[in-house]
Full PDB file with SEQRES, HELIX, SHEET, SSBOND, CRYST1, ORIGX, SCALE, CONECT and MASTER records, all heavy atoms in Angstrom:
SEQRES   1 A   43  GLU THR MET VAL PHE ILE ASN GLU CYS THR GLU LEU ARG          
SEQRES   2 A   43  TYR GLU LYS MET ASP ASN SER SER ALA ILE ARG LEU LYS          
SEQRES   3 A   43  GLU GLN SER SER GLY ARG LYS ASP ARG TYR VAL SER VAL          
SEQRES   4 A   43  ALA MET GLY CYS                                              
HELIX    1 AA1 THR A    2  GLU A   11  1                                  10    
HELIX    2 AA2 ASP A   34  GLY A   42  1                                   9    
SHEET    1 AA1 2 ARG A  13  LYS A  16  0                                        
SHEET    2 AA1 2 ILE A  23  LYS A  26 -1                                        
CRYST1    1.000    1.000    1.000  90.00  90.00  90.00 P 1           1          
ORIGX1      1.000000  0.000000  0.000000        0.00000                         
ORIGX2      0.000000  1.000000  0.000000        0.00000                         
ORIGX3      0.000000  0.000000  1.000000        0.00000                         
SCALE1      1.000000  0.000000  0.000000        0.00000                         
SCALE2      0.000000  1.000000  0.000000        0.00000                         
SCALE3      0.000000  0.000000  1.000000        0.00000                         
ATOM      1  N   GLU A   1      13.288   9.751  -3.414  1.00  0.00           N  
ATOM      2  CA  GLU A   1      12.642   8.475  -3.091  1.00  0.00           C  
ATOM      3  C   GLU A   1      11.470   8.669  -2.130  1.00  0.00           C  
ATOM      4  O   GLU A   1      10.454   7.993  -2.244  1.00  0.00           O  
ATOM      5  CB  GLU A   1      13.655   7.496  -2.485  1.00  0.00           C  
ATOM      6  CG  GLU A   1      14.673   6.964  -3.469  1.00  0.00           C  
ATOM      7  CD  GLU A   1      14.060   6.034  -4.496  1.00  0.00           C  
ATOM      8  OE1 GLU A   1      13.089   5.318  -4.170  1.00  0.00           O  
ATOM      9  OE2 GLU A   1      14.560   6.021  -5.634  1.00  0.00           O  
ATOM     10  N   THR A   2      11.629   9.596  -1.188  1.00  0.00           N  
ATOM     11  CA  THR A   2      10.548   9.850  -0.233  1.00  0.00           C  
ATOM     12  C   THR A   2       9.325  10.414  -0.929  1.00  0.00           C  
ATOM     13  O   THR A   2       8.194  10.018  -0.624  1.00  0.00           O  
ATOM     14  CB  THR A   2      11.026  10.825   0.860  1.00  0.00           C  
ATOM     15  OG1 THR A   2      12.188  10.286   1.485  1.00  0.00           O  
ATOM     16  CG2 THR A   2       9.953  11.057   1.903  1.00  0.00           C  
ATOM     17  N   MET A   3       9.532  11.298  -1.882  1.00  0.00           N  
ATOM     18  CA  MET A   3       8.400  11.862  -2.624  1.00  0.00           C  
ATOM     19  C   MET A   3       7.691  10.779  -3.430  1.00  0.00           C  
ATOM     20  O   MET A   3       6.460  10.728  -3.470  1.00  0.00           O  
ATOM     21  CB  MET A   3       8.865  12.996  -3.538  1.00  0.00           C  
ATOM     22  CG  MET A   3       9.274  14.228  -2.771  1.00  0.00           C  
ATOM     23  SD  MET A   3       9.668  15.715  -3.752  1.00  0.00           S  
ATOM     24  CE  MET A   3      10.111  15.143  -5.337  1.00  0.00           C  
ATOM     25  N   VAL A   4       8.447   9.893  -4.059  1.00  0.00           N  
ATOM     26  CA  VAL A   4       7.843   8.802  -4.829  1.00  0.00           C  
ATOM     27  C   VAL A   4       7.091   7.859  -3.897  1.00  0.00           C  
ATOM     28  O   VAL A   4       5.990   7.403  -4.206  1.00  0.00           O  
ATOM     29  CB  VAL A   4       8.921   8.047  -5.640  1.00  0.00           C  
ATOM     30  CG1 VAL A   4       8.330   6.842  -6.330  1.00  0.00           C  
ATOM     31  CG2 VAL A   4       9.576   8.969  -6.656  1.00  0.00           C  
ATOM     32  N   PHE A   5       7.673   7.585  -2.714  1.00  0.00           N  
ATOM     33  CA  PHE A   5       7.012   6.744  -1.724  1.00  0.00           C  
ATOM     34  C   PHE A   5       5.672   7.346  -1.298  1.00  0.00           C  
ATOM     35  O   PHE A   5       4.651   6.655  -1.244  1.00  0.00           O  
ATOM     36  CB  PHE A   5       7.932   6.561  -0.516  1.00  0.00           C  
ATOM     37  CG  PHE A   5       7.275   5.916   0.670  1.00  0.00           C  
ATOM     38  CD1 PHE A   5       6.908   4.583   0.634  1.00  0.00           C  
ATOM     39  CD2 PHE A   5       7.025   6.638   1.815  1.00  0.00           C  
ATOM     40  CE1 PHE A   5       6.308   3.985   1.732  1.00  0.00           C  
ATOM     41  CE2 PHE A   5       6.431   6.057   2.912  1.00  0.00           C  
ATOM     42  CZ  PHE A   5       6.074   4.717   2.870  1.00  0.00           C  
ATOM     43  N   ILE A   6       5.671   8.629  -0.993  1.00  0.00           N  
ATOM     44  CA  ILE A   6       4.434   9.299  -0.578  1.00  0.00           C  
ATOM     45  C   ILE A   6       3.396   9.255  -1.701  1.00  0.00           C  
ATOM     46  O   ILE A   6       2.219   8.976  -1.456  1.00  0.00           O  
ATOM     47  CB  ILE A   6       4.730  10.749  -0.130  1.00  0.00           C  
ATOM     48  CG1 ILE A   6       5.540  10.734   1.166  1.00  0.00           C  
ATOM     49  CG2 ILE A   6       3.448  11.552   0.044  1.00  0.00           C  
ATOM     50  CD1 ILE A   6       6.094  12.077   1.576  1.00  0.00           C  
ATOM     51  N   ASN A   7       3.817   9.510  -2.921  1.00  0.00           N  
ATOM     52  CA  ASN A   7       2.889   9.456  -4.057  1.00  0.00           C  
ATOM     53  C   ASN A   7       2.308   8.060  -4.227  1.00  0.00           C  
ATOM     54  O   ASN A   7       1.111   7.903  -4.492  1.00  0.00           O  
ATOM     55  CB  ASN A   7       3.578   9.907  -5.346  1.00  0.00           C  
ATOM     56  CG  ASN A   7       3.839  11.392  -5.360  1.00  0.00           C  
ATOM     57  OD1 ASN A   7       3.184  12.164  -4.667  1.00  0.00           O  
ATOM     58  ND2 ASN A   7       4.817  11.812  -6.149  1.00  0.00           N  
ATOM     59  N   GLU A   8       3.140   7.027  -4.085  1.00  0.00           N  
ATOM     60  CA  GLU A   8       2.641   5.657  -4.194  1.00  0.00           C  
ATOM     61  C   GLU A   8       1.629   5.360  -3.099  1.00  0.00           C  
ATOM     62  O   GLU A   8       0.602   4.734  -3.349  1.00  0.00           O  
ATOM     63  CB  GLU A   8       3.793   4.658  -4.107  1.00  0.00           C  
ATOM     64  CG  GLU A   8       4.577   4.524  -5.381  1.00  0.00           C  
ATOM     65  CD  GLU A   8       5.664   3.469  -5.273  1.00  0.00           C  
ATOM     66  OE1 GLU A   8       5.655   2.654  -4.318  1.00  0.00           O  
ATOM     67  OE2 GLU A   8       6.543   3.467  -6.148  1.00  0.00           O  
ATOM     68  N   CYS A   9       1.919   5.801  -1.877  1.00  0.00           N  
ATOM     69  CA  CYS A   9       1.020   5.522  -0.755  1.00  0.00           C  
ATOM     70  C   CYS A   9      -0.319   6.231  -0.912  1.00  0.00           C  
ATOM     71  O   CYS A   9      -1.361   5.677  -0.540  1.00  0.00           O  
ATOM     72  CB  CYS A   9       1.674   5.921   0.561  1.00  0.00           C  
ATOM     73  SG  CYS A   9       2.999   4.822   1.047  1.00  0.00           S  
ATOM     74  N   THR A  10      -0.311   7.435  -1.449  1.00  0.00           N  
ATOM     75  CA  THR A  10      -1.580   8.155  -1.609  1.00  0.00           C  
ATOM     76  C   THR A  10      -2.431   7.546  -2.710  1.00  0.00           C  
ATOM     77  O   THR A  10      -3.649   7.722  -2.704  1.00  0.00           O  
ATOM     78  CB  THR A  10      -1.347   9.650  -1.902  1.00  0.00           C  
ATOM     79  OG1 THR A  10      -0.536   9.787  -3.064  1.00  0.00           O  
ATOM     80  CG2 THR A  10      -0.677  10.336  -0.725  1.00  0.00           C  
ATOM     81  N   GLU A  11      -1.821   6.809  -3.620  1.00  0.00           N  
ATOM     82  CA  GLU A  11      -2.570   6.168  -4.703  1.00  0.00           C  
ATOM     83  C   GLU A  11      -3.185   4.838  -4.282  1.00  0.00           C  
ATOM     84  O   GLU A  11      -4.051   4.306  -4.969  1.00  0.00           O  
ATOM     85  CB  GLU A  11      -1.652   5.931  -5.905  1.00  0.00           C  
ATOM     86  CG  GLU A  11      -1.033   7.190  -6.483  1.00  0.00           C  
ATOM     87  CD  GLU A  11      -2.007   7.975  -7.343  1.00  0.00           C  
ATOM     88  OE1 GLU A  11      -2.861   7.335  -7.985  1.00  0.00           O  
ATOM     89  OE2 GLU A  11      -1.899   9.208  -7.358  1.00  0.00           O  
ATOM     90  N   LEU A  12      -2.737   4.275  -3.160  1.00  0.00           N  
ATOM     91  CA  LEU A  12      -3.226   2.964  -2.726  1.00  0.00           C  
ATOM     92  C   LEU A  12      -4.630   3.069  -2.153  1.00  0.00           C  
ATOM     93  O   LEU A  12      -5.004   4.051  -1.527  1.00  0.00           O  
ATOM     94  CB  LEU A  12      -2.292   2.372  -1.669  1.00  0.00           C  
ATOM     95  CG  LEU A  12      -0.901   1.971  -2.136  1.00  0.00           C  
ATOM     96  CD1 LEU A  12      -0.065   1.549  -0.938  1.00  0.00           C  
ATOM     97  CD2 LEU A  12      -0.965   0.863  -3.168  1.00  0.00           C  
ATOM     98  N   ARG A  13      -5.392   2.020  -2.351  1.00  0.00           N  
ATOM     99  CA  ARG A  13      -6.729   1.883  -1.762  1.00  0.00           C  
ATOM    100  C   ARG A  13      -6.719   0.611  -0.931  1.00  0.00           C  
ATOM    101  O   ARG A  13      -5.994  -0.323  -1.225  1.00  0.00           O  
ATOM    102  CB  ARG A  13      -7.803   1.784  -2.845  1.00  0.00           C  
ATOM    103  CG  ARG A  13      -7.844   2.967  -3.784  1.00  0.00           C  
ATOM    104  CD  ARG A  13      -8.338   4.215  -3.062  1.00  0.00           C  
ATOM    105  NE  ARG A  13      -8.317   5.362  -3.951  1.00  0.00           N  
ATOM    106  CZ  ARG A  13      -7.524   6.403  -3.800  1.00  0.00           C  
ATOM    107  NH1 ARG A  13      -6.668   6.434  -2.821  1.00  0.00           N  
ATOM    108  NH2 ARG A  13      -7.568   7.418  -4.627  1.00  0.00           N  
ATOM    109  N   TYR A  14      -7.524   0.586   0.115  1.00  0.00           N  
ATOM    110  CA  TYR A  14      -7.567  -0.623   0.930  1.00  0.00           C  
ATOM    111  C   TYR A  14      -8.999  -1.061   1.163  1.00  0.00           C  
ATOM    112  O   TYR A  14      -9.945  -0.286   1.045  1.00  0.00           O  
ATOM    113  CB  TYR A  14      -6.845  -0.415   2.261  1.00  0.00           C  
ATOM    114  CG  TYR A  14      -7.606   0.436   3.265  1.00  0.00           C  
ATOM    115  CD1 TYR A  14      -8.395  -0.166   4.228  1.00  0.00           C  
ATOM    116  CD2 TYR A  14      -7.518   1.817   3.254  1.00  0.00           C  
ATOM    117  CE1 TYR A  14      -9.098   0.597   5.142  1.00  0.00           C  
ATOM    118  CE2 TYR A  14      -8.198   2.583   4.162  1.00  0.00           C  
ATOM    119  CZ  TYR A  14      -8.991   1.970   5.111  1.00  0.00           C  
ATOM    120  OH  TYR A  14      -9.678   2.726   6.016  1.00  0.00           O  
ATOM    121  N   GLU A  15      -9.149  -2.341   1.470  1.00  0.00           N  
ATOM    122  CA  GLU A  15     -10.445  -2.875   1.871  1.00  0.00           C  
ATOM    123  C   GLU A  15     -10.225  -3.777   3.071  1.00  0.00           C  
ATOM    124  O   GLU A  15      -9.216  -4.468   3.169  1.00  0.00           O  
ATOM    125  CB  GLU A  15     -11.106  -3.644   0.730  1.00  0.00           C  
ATOM    126  CG  GLU A  15     -10.364  -4.876   0.297  1.00  0.00           C  
ATOM    127  CD  GLU A  15     -11.035  -5.576  -0.875  1.00  0.00           C  
ATOM    128  OE1 GLU A  15     -11.512  -4.887  -1.791  1.00  0.00           O  
ATOM    129  OE2 GLU A  15     -11.064  -6.814  -0.839  1.00  0.00           O  
ATOM    130  N   LYS A  16     -11.165  -3.732   4.006  1.00  0.00           N  
ATOM    131  CA  LYS A  16     -11.065  -4.577   5.190  1.00  0.00           C  
ATOM    132  C   LYS A  16     -11.512  -5.983   4.819  1.00  0.00           C  
ATOM    133  O   LYS A  16     -12.495  -6.173   4.107  1.00  0.00           O  
ATOM    134  CB  LYS A  16     -11.932  -4.029   6.311  1.00  0.00           C  
ATOM    135  CG  LYS A  16     -11.421  -2.719   6.864  1.00  0.00           C  
ATOM    136  CD  LYS A  16     -12.266  -2.251   8.019  1.00  0.00           C  
ATOM    137  CE  LYS A  16     -11.725  -0.936   8.548  1.00  0.00           C  
ATOM    138  NZ  LYS A  16     -12.488  -0.459   9.686  1.00  0.00           N  
ATOM    139  N   MET A  17     -10.768  -6.956   5.325  1.00  0.00           N  
ATOM    140  CA  MET A  17     -11.089  -8.350   5.071  1.00  0.00           C  
ATOM    141  C   MET A  17     -12.199  -8.792   6.021  1.00  0.00           C  
ATOM    142  O   MET A  17     -12.297  -8.306   7.143  1.00  0.00           O  
ATOM    143  CB  MET A  17      -9.858  -9.236   5.258  1.00  0.00           C  
ATOM    144  CG  MET A  17      -8.673  -8.828   4.389  1.00  0.00           C  
ATOM    145  SD  MET A  17      -9.022  -8.896   2.635  1.00  0.00           S  
ATOM    146  CE  MET A  17      -9.174 -10.642   2.427  1.00  0.00           C  
ATOM    147  N   ASP A  18     -13.026  -9.712   5.581  1.00  0.00           N  
ATOM    148  CA  ASP A  18     -14.120 -10.223   6.409  1.00  0.00           C  
ATOM    149  C   ASP A  18     -13.576 -10.993   7.607  1.00  0.00           C  
ATOM    150  O   ASP A  18     -12.626 -11.754   7.488  1.00  0.00           O  
ATOM    151  CB  ASP A  18     -15.023 -11.145   5.593  1.00  0.00           C  
ATOM    152  CG  ASP A  18     -15.738 -10.387   4.484  1.00  0.00           C  
ATOM    153  OD1 ASP A  18     -15.932  -9.166   4.637  1.00  0.00           O  
ATOM    154  OD2 ASP A  18     -16.093 -11.017   3.469  1.00  0.00           O  
ATOM    155  N   ASN A  19     -14.188 -10.801   8.736  1.00  0.00           N  
ATOM    156  CA  ASN A  19     -13.895 -11.553   9.960  1.00  0.00           C  
ATOM    157  C   ASN A  19     -12.437 -11.485  10.415  1.00  0.00           C  
ATOM    158  O   ASN A  19     -11.918 -12.435  10.975  1.00  0.00           O  
ATOM    159  CB  ASN A  19     -14.303 -13.021   9.797  1.00  0.00           C  
ATOM    160  CG  ASN A  19     -15.780 -13.167   9.530  1.00  0.00           C  
ATOM    161  OD1 ASN A  19     -16.586 -12.389  10.035  1.00  0.00           O  
ATOM    162  ND2 ASN A  19     -16.147 -14.146   8.735  1.00  0.00           N  
ATOM    163  N   SER A  20     -11.744 -10.416  10.153  1.00  0.00           N  
ATOM    164  CA  SER A  20     -10.384 -10.264  10.670  1.00  0.00           C  
ATOM    165  C   SER A  20     -10.030  -8.781  10.703  1.00  0.00           C  
ATOM    166  O   SER A  20     -10.760  -7.939  10.203  1.00  0.00           O  
ATOM    167  CB  SER A  20      -9.378 -11.035   9.814  1.00  0.00           C  
ATOM    168  OG  SER A  20      -9.125 -10.342   8.619  1.00  0.00           O  
ATOM    169  N   SER A  21      -8.883  -8.491  11.282  1.00  0.00           N  
ATOM    170  CA  SER A  21      -8.427  -7.107  11.330  1.00  0.00           C  
ATOM    171  C   SER A  21      -7.491  -6.797  10.165  1.00  0.00           C  
ATOM    172  O   SER A  21      -6.938  -5.709  10.098  1.00  0.00           O  
ATOM    173  CB  SER A  21      -7.725  -6.835  12.657  1.00  0.00           C  
ATOM    174  OG  SER A  21      -6.586  -7.664  12.765  1.00  0.00           O  
ATOM    175  N   ALA A  22      -7.327  -7.748   9.252  1.00  0.00           N  
ATOM    176  CA  ALA A  22      -6.424  -7.566   8.113  1.00  0.00           C  
ATOM    177  C   ALA A  22      -7.061  -6.660   7.056  1.00  0.00           C  
ATOM    178  O   ALA A  22      -8.282  -6.529   6.970  1.00  0.00           O  
ATOM    179  CB  ALA A  22      -6.086  -8.910   7.494  1.00  0.00           C  
ATOM    180  N   ILE A  23      -6.195  -6.038   6.274  1.00  0.00           N  
ATOM    181  CA  ILE A  23      -6.659  -5.229   5.150  1.00  0.00           C  
ATOM    182  C   ILE A  23      -5.968  -5.720   3.883  1.00  0.00           C  
ATOM    183  O   ILE A  23      -4.928  -6.366   3.940  1.00  0.00           O  
ATOM    184  CB  ILE A  23      -6.370  -3.725   5.355  1.00  0.00           C  
ATOM    185  CG1 ILE A  23      -4.861  -3.472   5.481  1.00  0.00           C  
ATOM    186  CG2 ILE A  23      -7.122  -3.163   6.538  1.00  0.00           C  
ATOM    187  CD1 ILE A  23      -4.492  -2.009   5.451  1.00  0.00           C  
ATOM    188  N   ARG A  24      -6.554  -5.436   2.755  1.00  0.00           N  
ATOM    189  CA  ARG A  24      -5.955  -5.759   1.464  1.00  0.00           C  
ATOM    190  C   ARG A  24      -5.696  -4.451   0.731  1.00  0.00           C  
ATOM    191  O   ARG A  24      -6.585  -3.613   0.586  1.00  0.00           O  
ATOM    192  CB  ARG A  24      -6.895  -6.632   0.649  1.00  0.00           C  
ATOM    193  CG  ARG A  24      -6.363  -6.898  -0.760  1.00  0.00           C  
ATOM    194  CD  ARG A  24      -7.250  -7.815  -1.531  1.00  0.00           C  
ATOM    195  NE  ARG A  24      -7.028  -9.144  -0.962  1.00  0.00           N  
ATOM    196  CZ  ARG A  24      -7.892 -10.132  -1.076  1.00  0.00           C  
ATOM    197  NH1 ARG A  24      -9.028  -9.949  -1.696  1.00  0.00           N  
ATOM    198  NH2 ARG A  24      -7.631 -11.310  -0.552  1.00  0.00           N  
ATOM    199  N   LEU A  25      -4.473  -4.269   0.290  1.00  0.00           N  
ATOM    200  CA  LEU A  25      -4.112  -3.072  -0.458  1.00  0.00           C  
ATOM    201  C   LEU A  25      -4.274  -3.315  -1.941  1.00  0.00           C  
ATOM    202  O   LEU A  25      -3.934  -4.377  -2.447  1.00  0.00           O  
ATOM    203  CB  LEU A  25      -2.652  -2.687  -0.186  1.00  0.00           C  
ATOM    204  CG  LEU A  25      -2.340  -2.161   1.196  1.00  0.00           C  
ATOM    205  CD1 LEU A  25      -0.848  -1.948   1.342  1.00  0.00           C  
ATOM    206  CD2 LEU A  25      -3.071  -0.875   1.465  1.00  0.00           C  
ATOM    207  N   LYS A  26      -4.799  -2.313  -2.614  1.00  0.00           N  
ATOM    208  CA  LYS A  26      -4.955  -2.391  -4.065  1.00  0.00           C  
ATOM    209  C   LYS A  26      -4.357  -1.141  -4.681  1.00  0.00           C  
ATOM    210  O   LYS A  26      -4.533  -0.044  -4.177  1.00  0.00           O  
ATOM    211  CB  LYS A  26      -6.418  -2.503  -4.459  1.00  0.00           C  
ATOM    212  CG  LYS A  26      -7.061  -3.800  -4.050  1.00  0.00           C  
ATOM    213  CD  LYS A  26      -8.462  -3.907  -4.598  1.00  0.00           C  
ATOM    214  CE  LYS A  26      -9.028  -5.263  -4.251  1.00  0.00           C  
ATOM    215  NZ  LYS A  26     -10.335  -5.453  -4.874  1.00  0.00           N  
ATOM    216  N   GLU A  27      -3.636  -1.343  -5.755  1.00  0.00           N  
ATOM    217  CA  GLU A  27      -3.076  -0.209  -6.482  1.00  0.00           C  
ATOM    218  C   GLU A  27      -3.809  -0.074  -7.810  1.00  0.00           C  
ATOM    219  O   GLU A  27      -4.439  -1.014  -8.280  1.00  0.00           O  
ATOM    220  CB  GLU A  27      -1.575  -0.385  -6.700  1.00  0.00           C  
ATOM    221  CG  GLU A  27      -1.181  -1.473  -7.680  1.00  0.00           C  
ATOM    222  CD  GLU A  27      -1.105  -2.860  -7.052  1.00  0.00           C  
ATOM    223  OE1 GLU A  27      -1.357  -3.005  -5.857  1.00  0.00           O  
ATOM    224  OE2 GLU A  27      -0.812  -3.794  -7.793  1.00  0.00           O  
ATOM    225  N   GLN A  28      -3.726   1.112  -8.379  1.00  0.00           N  
ATOM    226  CA  GLN A  28      -4.322   1.316  -9.688  1.00  0.00           C  
ATOM    227  C   GLN A  28      -3.536   0.499 -10.707  1.00  0.00           C  
ATOM    228  O   GLN A  28      -2.433   0.029 -10.436  1.00  0.00           O  
ATOM    229  CB  GLN A  28      -4.293   2.792 -10.061  1.00  0.00           C  
ATOM    230  CG  GLN A  28      -5.156   3.648  -9.160  1.00  0.00           C  
ATOM    231  CD  GLN A  28      -5.051   5.112  -9.515  1.00  0.00           C  
ATOM    232  OE1 GLN A  28      -4.270   5.513 -10.365  1.00  0.00           O  
ATOM    233  NE2 GLN A  28      -5.849   5.935  -8.850  1.00  0.00           N  
ATOM    234  N   SER A  29      -4.087   0.322 -11.878  1.00  0.00           N  
ATOM    235  CA  SER A  29      -3.442  -0.531 -12.876  1.00  0.00           C  
ATOM    236  C   SER A  29      -2.028  -0.066 -13.211  1.00  0.00           C  
ATOM    237  O   SER A  29      -1.160  -0.869 -13.522  1.00  0.00           O  
ATOM    238  CB  SER A  29      -4.285  -0.590 -14.145  1.00  0.00           C  
ATOM    239  OG  SER A  29      -4.417   0.706 -14.698  1.00  0.00           O  
ATOM    240  N   SER A  30      -1.770   1.223 -13.159  1.00  0.00           N  
ATOM    241  CA  SER A  30      -0.430   1.730 -13.451  1.00  0.00           C  
ATOM    242  C   SER A  30       0.399   1.937 -12.181  1.00  0.00           C  
ATOM    243  O   SER A  30       1.531   2.375 -12.247  1.00  0.00           O  
ATOM    244  CB  SER A  30      -0.524   3.057 -14.209  1.00  0.00           C  
ATOM    245  OG  SER A  30      -1.163   4.022 -13.394  1.00  0.00           O  
ATOM    246  N   GLY A  31      -0.169   1.614 -11.019  1.00  0.00           N  
ATOM    247  CA  GLY A  31       0.496   1.892  -9.754  1.00  0.00           C  
ATOM    248  C   GLY A  31       1.331   0.736  -9.244  1.00  0.00           C  
ATOM    249  O   GLY A  31       1.341  -0.359  -9.806  1.00  0.00           O  
ATOM    250  N   ARG A  32       2.041   1.007  -8.165  1.00  0.00           N  
ATOM    251  CA  ARG A  32       2.872   0.015  -7.511  1.00  0.00           C  
ATOM    252  C   ARG A  32       2.719   0.167  -6.006  1.00  0.00           C  
ATOM    253  O   ARG A  32       2.288   1.197  -5.522  1.00  0.00           O  
ATOM    254  CB  ARG A  32       4.341   0.215  -7.885  1.00  0.00           C  
ATOM    255  CG  ARG A  32       4.591   0.219  -9.364  1.00  0.00           C  
ATOM    256  CD  ARG A  32       6.004   0.555  -9.651  1.00  0.00           C  
ATOM    257  NE  ARG A  32       6.737  -0.700  -9.779  1.00  0.00           N  
ATOM    258  CZ  ARG A  32       8.023  -0.776 -10.006  1.00  0.00           C  
ATOM    259  NH1 ARG A  32       8.739   0.319 -10.071  1.00  0.00           N  
ATOM    260  NH2 ARG A  32       8.611  -1.936 -10.133  1.00  0.00           N  
ATOM    261  N   LYS A  33       3.090  -0.868  -5.286  1.00  0.00           N  
ATOM    262  CA  LYS A  33       3.093  -0.784  -3.823  1.00  0.00           C  
ATOM    263  C   LYS A  33       4.377  -1.365  -3.241  1.00  0.00           C  
ATOM    264  O   LYS A  33       4.442  -1.725  -2.086  1.00  0.00           O  
ATOM    265  CB  LYS A  33       1.867  -1.463  -3.235  1.00  0.00           C  
ATOM    266  CG  LYS A  33       1.671  -2.910  -3.615  1.00  0.00           C  
ATOM    267  CD  LYS A  33       0.367  -3.431  -3.063  1.00  0.00           C  
ATOM    268  CE  LYS A  33       0.123  -4.835  -3.606  1.00  0.00           C  
ATOM    269  NZ  LYS A  33      -1.181  -5.311  -3.291  1.00  0.00           N  
ATOM    270  N   ASP A  34       5.416  -1.428  -4.048  1.00  0.00           N  
ATOM    271  CA  ASP A  34       6.691  -2.003  -3.622  1.00  0.00           C  
ATOM    272  C   ASP A  34       7.297  -1.262  -2.450  1.00  0.00           C  
ATOM    273  O   ASP A  34       7.749  -1.878  -1.481  1.00  0.00           O  
ATOM    274  CB  ASP A  34       7.697  -2.005  -4.773  1.00  0.00           C  
ATOM    275  CG  ASP A  34       7.226  -2.799  -5.961  1.00  0.00           C  
ATOM    276  OD1 ASP A  34       6.298  -3.612  -5.800  1.00  0.00           O  
ATOM    277  OD2 ASP A  34       7.789  -2.611  -7.056  1.00  0.00           O  
ATOM    278  N   ARG A  35       7.346   0.030  -2.519  1.00  0.00           N  
ATOM    279  CA  ARG A  35       7.963   0.819  -1.447  1.00  0.00           C  
ATOM    280  C   ARG A  35       7.163   0.703  -0.156  1.00  0.00           C  
ATOM    281  O   ARG A  35       7.725   0.587   0.924  1.00  0.00           O  
ATOM    282  CB  ARG A  35       8.105   2.276  -1.873  1.00  0.00           C  
ATOM    283  CG  ARG A  35       9.190   2.498  -2.906  1.00  0.00           C  
ATOM    284  CD  ARG A  35       9.283   3.966  -3.316  1.00  0.00           C  
ATOM    285  NE  ARG A  35      10.326   4.178  -4.278  1.00  0.00           N  
ATOM    286  CZ  ARG A  35      10.158   4.061  -5.594  1.00  0.00           C  
ATOM    287  NH1 ARG A  35       8.980   3.747  -6.086  1.00  0.00           N  
ATOM    288  NH2 ARG A  35      11.170   4.261  -6.417  1.00  0.00           N  
ATOM    289  N   TYR A  36       5.839   0.726  -0.273  1.00  0.00           N  
ATOM    290  CA  TYR A  36       4.998   0.584   0.912  1.00  0.00           C  
ATOM    291  C   TYR A  36       5.252  -0.756   1.588  1.00  0.00           C  
ATOM    292  O   TYR A  36       5.430  -0.824   2.808  1.00  0.00           O  
ATOM    293  CB  TYR A  36       3.509   0.720   0.562  1.00  0.00           C  
ATOM    294  CG  TYR A  36       2.633   0.441   1.753  1.00  0.00           C  
ATOM    295  CD1 TYR A  36       2.364   1.435   2.676  1.00  0.00           C  
ATOM    296  CD2 TYR A  36       2.112  -0.826   1.978  1.00  0.00           C  
ATOM    297  CE1 TYR A  36       1.589   1.186   3.795  1.00  0.00           C  
ATOM    298  CE2 TYR A  36       1.344  -1.098   3.089  1.00  0.00           C  
ATOM    299  CZ  TYR A  36       1.080  -0.084   3.992  1.00  0.00           C  
ATOM    300  OH  TYR A  36       0.329  -0.345   5.096  1.00  0.00           O  
ATOM    301  N   VAL A  37       5.283  -1.823   0.814  1.00  0.00           N  
ATOM    302  CA  VAL A  37       5.499  -3.158   1.371  1.00  0.00           C  
ATOM    303  C   VAL A  37       6.883  -3.244   2.017  1.00  0.00           C  
ATOM    304  O   VAL A  37       7.039  -3.817   3.097  1.00  0.00           O  
ATOM    305  CB  VAL A  37       5.301  -4.248   0.296  1.00  0.00           C  
ATOM    306  CG1 VAL A  37       5.716  -5.606   0.799  1.00  0.00           C  
ATOM    307  CG2 VAL A  37       3.858  -4.275  -0.165  1.00  0.00           C  
ATOM    308  N   SER A  38       7.890  -2.657   1.391  1.00  0.00           N  
ATOM    309  CA  SER A  38       9.237  -2.669   1.964  1.00  0.00           C  
ATOM    310  C   SER A  38       9.281  -1.951   3.300  1.00  0.00           C  
ATOM    311  O   SER A  38       9.876  -2.447   4.266  1.00  0.00           O  
ATOM    312  CB  SER A  38      10.226  -2.016   1.000  1.00  0.00           C  
ATOM    313  OG  SER A  38      10.329  -2.745  -0.179  1.00  0.00           O  
ATOM    314  N   VAL A  39       8.667  -0.791   3.383  1.00  0.00           N  
ATOM    315  CA  VAL A  39       8.646  -0.035   4.636  1.00  0.00           C  
ATOM    316  C   VAL A  39       7.833  -0.780   5.695  1.00  0.00           C  
ATOM    317  O   VAL A  39       8.239  -0.871   6.856  1.00  0.00           O  
ATOM    318  CB  VAL A  39       8.097   1.392   4.412  1.00  0.00           C  
ATOM    319  CG1 VAL A  39       7.839   2.104   5.728  1.00  0.00           C  
ATOM    320  CG2 VAL A  39       9.054   2.196   3.556  1.00  0.00           C  
ATOM    321  N   ALA A  40       6.701  -1.350   5.306  1.00  0.00           N  
ATOM    322  CA  ALA A  40       5.870  -2.093   6.248  1.00  0.00           C  
ATOM    323  C   ALA A  40       6.613  -3.305   6.798  1.00  0.00           C  
ATOM    324  O   ALA A  40       6.569  -3.580   8.003  1.00  0.00           O  
ATOM    325  CB  ALA A  40       4.569  -2.525   5.582  1.00  0.00           C  
ATOM    326  N   MET A  41       7.310  -4.045   5.949  1.00  0.00           N  
ATOM    327  CA  MET A  41       8.068  -5.210   6.405  1.00  0.00           C  
ATOM    328  C   MET A  41       9.231  -4.783   7.302  1.00  0.00           C  
ATOM    329  O   MET A  41       9.543  -5.459   8.281  1.00  0.00           O  
ATOM    330  CB  MET A  41       8.574  -6.022   5.217  1.00  0.00           C  
ATOM    331  CG  MET A  41       7.471  -6.720   4.449  1.00  0.00           C  
ATOM    332  SD  MET A  41       6.541  -7.888   5.455  1.00  0.00           S  
ATOM    333  CE  MET A  41       7.769  -9.135   5.767  1.00  0.00           C  
ATOM    334  N   GLY A  42       9.871  -3.667   6.977  1.00  0.00           N  
ATOM    335  CA  GLY A  42      10.942  -3.154   7.827  1.00  0.00           C  
ATOM    336  C   GLY A  42      10.429  -2.770   9.204  1.00  0.00           C  
ATOM    337  O   GLY A  42      11.066  -3.068  10.222  1.00  0.00           O  
ATOM    338  N   CYS A  43       9.270  -2.133   9.252  1.00  0.00           N  
ATOM    339  CA  CYS A  43       8.667  -1.760  10.543  1.00  0.00           C  
ATOM    340  C   CYS A  43       8.274  -3.004  11.334  1.00  0.00           C  
ATOM    341  O   CYS A  43       8.472  -3.065  12.553  1.00  0.00           O  
ATOM    342  CB  CYS A  43       7.446  -0.873  10.314  1.00  0.00           C  
ATOM    343  SG  CYS A  43       7.857   0.781   9.754  1.00  0.00           S  
TER     344      CYS A  43                                                      
MASTER        0    0    0    2    2    0    0    6  343    1    0    4          
END                                                                             
């Protein structure tokens, strides 16, 4: 699971949102960000 998590995270791209410190994550069409979001929410 850790290897899959790392692979998912390396495939993600981000962009900074205008006028804030927030970022938006984007995955490739075949990608996912479920594990990243789960870990981020847990943290």
